[in-house]
Amino acid sequence: LMLYTGMRMGEINALMFKDISFDFKTINVQRTLTKDKNENTIIGKTTKTYAGQRLLSMTNTIYNLMKDYVDKHYKENKEGLLFYDYRANKIITTNQCNMYLTRLKTRYDFIDENVQGNVNLHSLRHTFATRCIESNMPVKVLQHFLGHTDIKTTLDTYCDVFEKFEQEHINNAEAYLNQIMA
């Protein structure tokens, strides 16, 4: 879900069944997991930022993934959460998800050795953003998907990816100018 939407793990873990509309193919991101004064994980009342509250369109891939999950795994729970630890009867935390990924990486050794840095779940959010940039998604649209308040955050975080396409885009602009000036 993170790889195909760019949502933060805390936003995914705070999704409620009522946030998913299969009729309209949307995910309503309204809240995130947070910590209380005793450092216990709780469901926050809002997202990290105001811009984090957003309505995301589901692609066919996400629609099918979510529909399959709900049909096979979702059960009512006291929190109303879409993803829930039924065995322990509690919220699934971001930390739990990262620890599970670490165990999977160790067991199956599926990370390409050429990948630099620490690969964690947040890497999926960055991968989503990078693939969106590579597919020529406008930065303003990407800002919305990522829930960034300021477009500067999007540009600064992914400036190296944008720079990678600088020559390609200037060549495209030149070709277009030459075409309309002919």
C-alpha atoms as a PDB file:
ATOM      1  CA  LEU A   1       0.000   0.000   0.000  1.00  0.00           C
ATOM      2  CA  MET A   2       2.851   2.365   0.846  1.00  0.00           C
ATOM      3  CA  LEU A   3       4.637   1.598  -2.417  1.00  0.00           C
ATOM      4  CA  TYR A   4       1.561   2.417  -4.524  1.00  0.00           C
ATOM      5  CA  THR A   5       0.199   5.432  -2.598  1.00  0.00           C
ATOM      6  CA  GLY A   6       3.171   7.102  -0.892  1.00  0.00           C
ATOM      7  CA  MET A   7       1.287   7.060   2.409  1.00  0.00           C
ATOM      8  CA  ARG A   8       3.273   7.109   5.645  1.00  0.00           C
ATOM      9  CA  MET A   9       3.236   3.884   7.674  1.00  0.00           C
ATOM     10  CA  GLY A  10       1.509   5.635  10.575  1.00  0.00           C
ATOM     11  CA  GLU A  11      -1.239   6.785   8.201  1.00  0.00           C
ATOM     12  CA  ILE A  12      -1.713   3.269   6.849  1.00  0.00           C
ATOM     13  CA  ASN A  13      -1.857   1.766  10.329  1.00  0.00           C
ATOM     14  CA  ALA A  14      -4.448   4.387  11.350  1.00  0.00           C
ATOM     15  CA  LEU A  15      -6.763   3.681   8.398  1.00  0.00           C
ATOM     16  CA  MET A  16     -10.263   2.707   9.387  1.00  0.00           C
ATOM     17  CA  PHE A  17     -12.587   0.572   7.322  1.00  0.00           C
ATOM     18  CA  LYS A  18     -14.832   3.635   6.871  1.00  0.00           C
ATOM     19  CA  ASP A  19     -11.908   5.493   5.200  1.00  0.00           C
ATOM     20  CA  ILE A  20     -12.042   3.168   2.192  1.00  0.00           C
ATOM     21  CA  SER A  21     -14.634   3.711  -0.522  1.00  0.00           C
ATOM     22  CA  PHE A  22     -14.762   0.894  -3.011  1.00  0.00           C
ATOM     23  CA  ASP A  23     -17.644   2.643  -4.802  1.00  0.00           C
ATOM     24  CA  PHE A  24     -15.598   5.785  -5.459  1.00  0.00           C
ATOM     25  CA  LYS A  25     -12.195   4.039  -5.431  1.00  0.00           C
ATOM     26  CA  THR A  26     -10.748   6.376  -2.797  1.00  0.00           C
ATOM     27  CA  ILE A  27      -8.780   6.258   0.441  1.00  0.00           C
ATOM     28  CA  ASN A  28      -9.528   9.067   2.888  1.00  0.00           C
ATOM     29  CA  VAL A  29      -6.363   9.783   4.889  1.00  0.00           C
ATOM     30  CA  GLN A  30      -7.546  11.527   8.064  1.00  0.00           C
ATOM     31  CA  ARG A  31      -5.285  10.483  10.931  1.00  0.00           C
ATOM     32  CA  THR A  32      -1.981   8.906  11.864  1.00  0.00           C
ATOM     33  CA  LEU A  33      -0.589   6.923  14.736  1.00  0.00           C
ATOM     34  CA  THR A  34       1.157   8.975  17.377  1.00  0.00           C
ATOM     35  CA  LYS A  35       2.469   8.632  20.927  1.00  0.00           C
ATOM     36  CA  ASP A  36       0.731   9.715  24.105  1.00  0.00           C
ATOM     37  CA  LYS A  37       2.506  11.312  27.077  1.00  0.00           C
ATOM     38  CA  ASN A  38       3.551   7.828  28.285  1.00  0.00           C
ATOM     39  CA  GLU A  39       5.022   6.932  24.852  1.00  0.00           C
ATOM     40  CA  ASN A  40       2.191   4.492  24.101  1.00  0.00           C
ATOM     41  CA  THR A  41       1.052   4.287  20.485  1.00  0.00           C
ATOM     42  CA  ILE A  42      -2.392   5.776  19.987  1.00  0.00           C
ATOM     43  CA  ILE A  43      -4.580   6.779  17.061  1.00  0.00           C
ATOM     44  CA  GLY A  44      -4.146  10.493  16.535  1.00  0.00           C
ATOM     45  CA  LYS A  45      -7.067  12.779  15.830  1.00  0.00           C
ATOM     46  CA  THR A  46      -5.408  14.129  12.644  1.00  0.00           C
ATOM     47  CA  THR A  47      -2.482  13.513  10.326  1.00  0.00           C
ATOM     48  CA  LYS A  48       1.063  14.822  10.783  1.00  0.00           C
ATOM     49  CA  THR A  49       0.173  18.043   8.941  1.00  0.00           C
ATOM     50  CA  TYR A  50      -3.016  19.634   7.639  1.00  0.00           C
ATOM     51  CA  ALA A  51      -1.937  18.751   4.080  1.00  0.00           C
ATOM     52  CA  GLY A  52      -1.641  15.150   5.246  1.00  0.00           C
ATOM     53  CA  GLN A  53      -5.430  15.009   5.342  1.00  0.00           C
ATOM     54  CA  ARG A  54      -6.146  14.029   1.786  1.00  0.00           C
ATOM     55  CA  LEU A  55      -8.345  11.938  -0.464  1.00  0.00           C
ATOM     56  CA  LEU A  56      -6.318   9.541  -2.606  1.00  0.00           C
ATOM     57  CA  SER A  57      -7.646   7.857  -5.707  1.00  0.00           C
ATOM     58  CA  MET A  58      -7.114   4.119  -5.830  1.00  0.00           C
ATOM     59  CA  THR A  59      -5.469   2.734  -8.923  1.00  0.00           C
ATOM     60  CA  ASN A  60      -6.729  -0.652 -10.106  1.00  0.00           C
ATOM     61  CA  THR A  61      -3.752  -2.272  -8.392  1.00  0.00           C
ATOM     62  CA  ILE A  62      -4.589  -0.656  -5.039  1.00  0.00           C
ATOM     63  CA  TYR A  63      -8.305  -1.312  -5.464  1.00  0.00           C
ATOM     64  CA  ASN A  64      -7.671  -5.018  -6.062  1.00  0.00           C
ATOM     65  CA  LEU A  65      -5.166  -5.221  -3.205  1.00  0.00           C
ATOM     66  CA  MET A  66      -7.543  -3.538  -0.760  1.00  0.00           C
ATOM     67  CA  LYS A  67     -10.586  -5.506  -1.921  1.00  0.00           C
ATOM     68  CA  ASP A  68      -8.680  -8.776  -1.571  1.00  0.00           C
ATOM     69  CA  TYR A  69      -7.438  -7.806   1.893  1.00  0.00           C
ATOM     70  CA  VAL A  70     -10.881  -6.762   3.139  1.00  0.00           C
ATOM     71  CA  ASP A  71     -12.559  -9.871   1.698  1.00  0.00           C
ATOM     72  CA  LYS A  72     -10.006 -12.274   3.205  1.00  0.00           C
ATOM     73  CA  HIS A  73      -8.648 -10.646   6.361  1.00  0.00           C
ATOM     74  CA  TYR A  74     -10.647  -7.715   7.677  1.00  0.00           C
ATOM     75  CA  LYS A  75     -12.725  -8.279  10.821  1.00  0.00           C
ATOM     76  CA  GLU A  76     -14.528  -5.790  13.030  1.00  0.00           C
ATOM     77  CA  ASN A  77     -12.332  -4.599  15.898  1.00  0.00           C
ATOM     78  CA  LYS A  78     -12.790  -2.218  18.811  1.00  0.00           C
ATOM     79  CA  GLU A  79     -10.728   0.522  17.133  1.00  0.00           C
ATOM     80  CA  GLY A  80     -12.425   0.241  13.736  1.00  0.00           C
ATOM     81  CA  LEU A  81      -8.976  -0.088  12.153  1.00  0.00           C
ATOM     82  CA  LEU A  82      -8.474  -1.680   8.766  1.00  0.00           C
ATOM     83  CA  PHE A  83      -5.189  -3.260   9.846  1.00  0.00           C
ATOM     84  CA  TYR A  84      -5.227  -4.673  13.357  1.00  0.00           C
ATOM     85  CA  ASP A  85      -3.325  -7.193  15.472  1.00  0.00           C
ATOM     86  CA  TYR A  86      -6.215  -9.563  16.205  1.00  0.00           C
ATOM     87  CA  ARG A  87      -4.070 -12.006  18.181  1.00  0.00           C
ATOM     88  CA  ALA A  88      -2.884  -9.340  20.629  1.00  0.00           C
ATOM     89  CA  ASN A  89      -6.100  -7.301  20.301  1.00  0.00           C
ATOM     90  CA  LYS A  90      -4.227  -4.029  19.734  1.00  0.00           C
ATOM     91  CA  ILE A  91      -3.037  -1.421  17.251  1.00  0.00           C
ATOM     92  CA  ILE A  92      -0.252  -2.435  14.861  1.00  0.00           C
ATOM     93  CA  THR A  93       2.577   0.064  15.313  1.00  0.00           C
ATOM     94  CA  THR A  94       4.995   1.402  12.728  1.00  0.00           C
ATOM     95  CA  ASN A  95       7.815  -0.053  14.804  1.00  0.00           C
ATOM     96  CA  GLN A  96       6.231  -3.523  14.636  1.00  0.00           C
ATOM     97  CA  CYS A  97       6.005  -3.248  10.851  1.00  0.00           C
ATOM     98  CA  ASN A  98       9.651  -2.180  10.551  1.00  0.00           C
ATOM     99  CA  MET A  99      10.772  -5.047  12.814  1.00  0.00           C
ATOM    100  CA  TYR A 100       8.801  -7.499  10.672  1.00  0.00           C
ATOM    101  CA  LEU A 101      10.453  -6.127   7.524  1.00  0.00           C
ATOM    102  CA  THR A 102      13.871  -6.530   9.182  1.00  0.00           C
ATOM    103  CA  ARG A 103      13.093 -10.172   9.962  1.00  0.00           C
ATOM    104  CA  LEU A 104      11.957 -10.768   6.374  1.00  0.00           C
ATOM    105  CA  LYS A 105      15.110  -9.127   4.986  1.00  0.00           C
ATOM    106  CA  THR A 106      17.256 -11.374   7.188  1.00  0.00           C
ATOM    107  CA  ARG A 107      15.349 -14.552   6.395  1.00  0.00           C
ATOM    108  CA  TYR A 108      14.983 -14.068   2.627  1.00  0.00           C
ATOM    109  CA  ASP A 109      17.879 -11.718   1.764  1.00  0.00           C
ATOM    110  CA  PHE A 110      15.834  -9.931  -0.912  1.00  0.00           C
ATOM    111  CA  ILE A 111      17.562  -6.528  -0.849  1.00  0.00           C
ATOM    112  CA  ASP A 112      19.810  -5.868  -3.842  1.00  0.00           C
ATOM    113  CA  GLU A 113      23.397  -5.468  -2.586  1.00  0.00           C
ATOM    114  CA  ASN A 114      23.769  -2.366  -4.788  1.00  0.00           C
ATOM    115  CA  VAL A 115      21.113  -0.523  -2.761  1.00  0.00           C
ATOM    116  CA  GLN A 116      22.844   1.964  -0.500  1.00  0.00           C
ATOM    117  CA  GLY A 117      21.709   2.965   2.960  1.00  0.00           C
ATOM    118  CA  ASN A 118      19.207   1.448   5.328  1.00  0.00           C
ATOM    119  CA  VAL A 119      16.190  -0.082   3.614  1.00  0.00           C
ATOM    120  CA  ASN A 120      13.100   0.260   5.781  1.00  0.00           C
ATOM    121  CA  LEU A 121       9.400   0.716   5.179  1.00  0.00           C
ATOM    122  CA  HIS A 122       9.800   4.453   4.636  1.00  0.00           C
ATOM    123  CA  SER A 123      11.988   3.515   1.655  1.00  0.00           C
ATOM    124  CA  LEU A 124       8.766   2.398  -0.074  1.00  0.00           C
ATOM    125  CA  ARG A 125       7.391   5.937   0.242  1.00  0.00           C
ATOM    126  CA  HIS A 126      10.578   7.291  -1.331  1.00  0.00           C
ATOM    127  CA  THR A 127      10.410   4.661  -4.072  1.00  0.00           C
ATOM    128  CA  PHE A 128       6.832   5.687  -4.822  1.00  0.00           C
ATOM    129  CA  ALA A 129       7.855   9.347  -5.081  1.00  0.00           C
ATOM    130  CA  THR A 130      10.861   8.541  -7.266  1.00  0.00           C
ATOM    131  CA  ARG A 131       8.785   6.419  -9.675  1.00  0.00           C
ATOM    132  CA  CYS A 132       6.185   9.217  -9.867  1.00  0.00           C
ATOM    133  CA  ILE A 133       8.900  11.714 -10.804  1.00  0.00           C
ATOM    134  CA  GLU A 134      10.306   9.294 -13.385  1.00  0.00           C
ATOM    135  CA  SER A 135       6.827   8.981 -14.901  1.00  0.00           C
ATOM    136  CA  ASN A 136       6.649  12.785 -15.257  1.00  0.00           C
ATOM    137  CA  MET A 137       4.035  13.349 -12.541  1.00  0.00           C
ATOM    138  CA  PRO A 138       3.749  17.094 -11.882  1.00  0.00           C
ATOM    139  CA  VAL A 139       5.382  18.112  -8.601  1.00  0.00           C
ATOM    140  CA  LYS A 140       2.147  19.688  -7.332  1.00  0.00           C
ATOM    141  CA  VAL A 141       0.327  16.373  -7.779  1.00  0.00           C
ATOM    142  CA  LEU A 142       3.141  14.496  -6.035  1.00  0.00           C
ATOM    143  CA  GLN A 143       3.010  17.004  -3.170  1.00  0.00           C
ATOM    144  CA  HIS A 144      -0.675  16.129  -2.691  1.00  0.00           C
ATOM    145  CA  PHE A 145      -0.052  12.369  -2.762  1.00  0.00           C
ATOM    146  CA  LEU A 146       2.732  12.671  -0.187  1.00  0.00           C
ATOM    147  CA  GLY A 147       0.776  15.049   2.040  1.00  0.00           C
ATOM    148  CA  HIS A 148       3.489  17.702   2.127  1.00  0.00           C
ATOM    149  CA  THR A 149       2.303  21.103   3.368  1.00  0.00           C
ATOM    150  CA  ASP A 150       4.919  22.989   1.372  1.00  0.00           C
ATOM    151  CA  ILE A 151       5.972  22.127  -2.179  1.00  0.00           C
ATOM    152  CA  LYS A 152       9.522  23.065  -1.095  1.00  0.00           C
ATOM    153  CA  THR A 153       9.565  19.908   1.044  1.00  0.00           C
ATOM    154  CA  THR A 154       8.788  17.790  -2.007  1.00  0.00           C
ATOM    155  CA  LEU A 155      11.340  19.589  -4.176  1.00  0.00           C
ATOM    156  CA  ASP A 156      14.093  19.543  -1.539  1.00  0.00           C
ATOM    157  CA  THR A 157      13.564  15.890  -0.624  1.00  0.00           C
ATOM    158  CA  TYR A 158      13.658  14.685  -4.224  1.00  0.00           C
ATOM    159  CA  CYS A 159      15.921  17.310  -5.855  1.00  0.00           C
ATOM    160  CA  ASP A 160      18.499  14.692  -6.878  1.00  0.00           C
ATOM    161  CA  VAL A 161      15.807  12.731  -8.742  1.00  0.00           C
ATOM    162  CA  PHE A 162      14.591  15.876 -10.527  1.00  0.00           C
ATOM    163  CA  GLU A 163      18.181  16.792 -11.465  1.00  0.00           C
ATOM    164  CA  LYS A 164      18.686  13.335 -12.963  1.00  0.00           C
ATOM    165  CA  PHE A 165      16.055  14.207 -15.597  1.00  0.00           C
ATOM    166  CA  GLU A 166      17.289  17.737 -16.289  1.00  0.00           C
ATOM    167  CA  GLN A 167      19.013  16.936 -19.595  1.00  0.00           C
ATOM    168  CA  GLU A 168      16.120  14.786 -20.810  1.00  0.00           C
ATOM    169  CA  HIS A 169      13.615  17.562 -20.115  1.00  0.00           C
ATOM    170  CA  ILE A 170      15.714  20.318 -21.672  1.00  0.00           C
ATOM    171  CA  ASN A 171      16.104  18.136 -24.792  1.00  0.00           C
ATOM    172  CA  ASN A 172      12.312  17.663 -24.884  1.00  0.00           C
ATOM    173  CA  ALA A 173      11.775  21.413 -24.514  1.00  0.00           C
ATOM    174  CA  GLU A 174      14.254  22.115 -27.324  1.00  0.00           C
ATOM    175  CA  ALA A 175      12.560  19.585 -29.612  1.00  0.00           C
ATOM    176  CA  TYR A 176       9.174  21.139 -28.865  1.00  0.00           C
ATOM    177  CA  LEU A 177      10.443  24.667 -29.501  1.00  0.00           C
ATOM    178  CA  ASN A 178      12.037  23.580 -32.761  1.00  0.00           C
ATOM    179  CA  GLN A 179       8.770  21.912 -33.791  1.00  0.00           C
ATOM    180  CA  ILE A 180       6.552  24.936 -33.154  1.00  0.00           C
ATOM    181  CA  MET A 181       9.065  27.392 -34.622  1.00  0.00           C
ATOM    182  CA  ALA A 182       9.392  25.437 -37.886  1.00  0.00           C
END
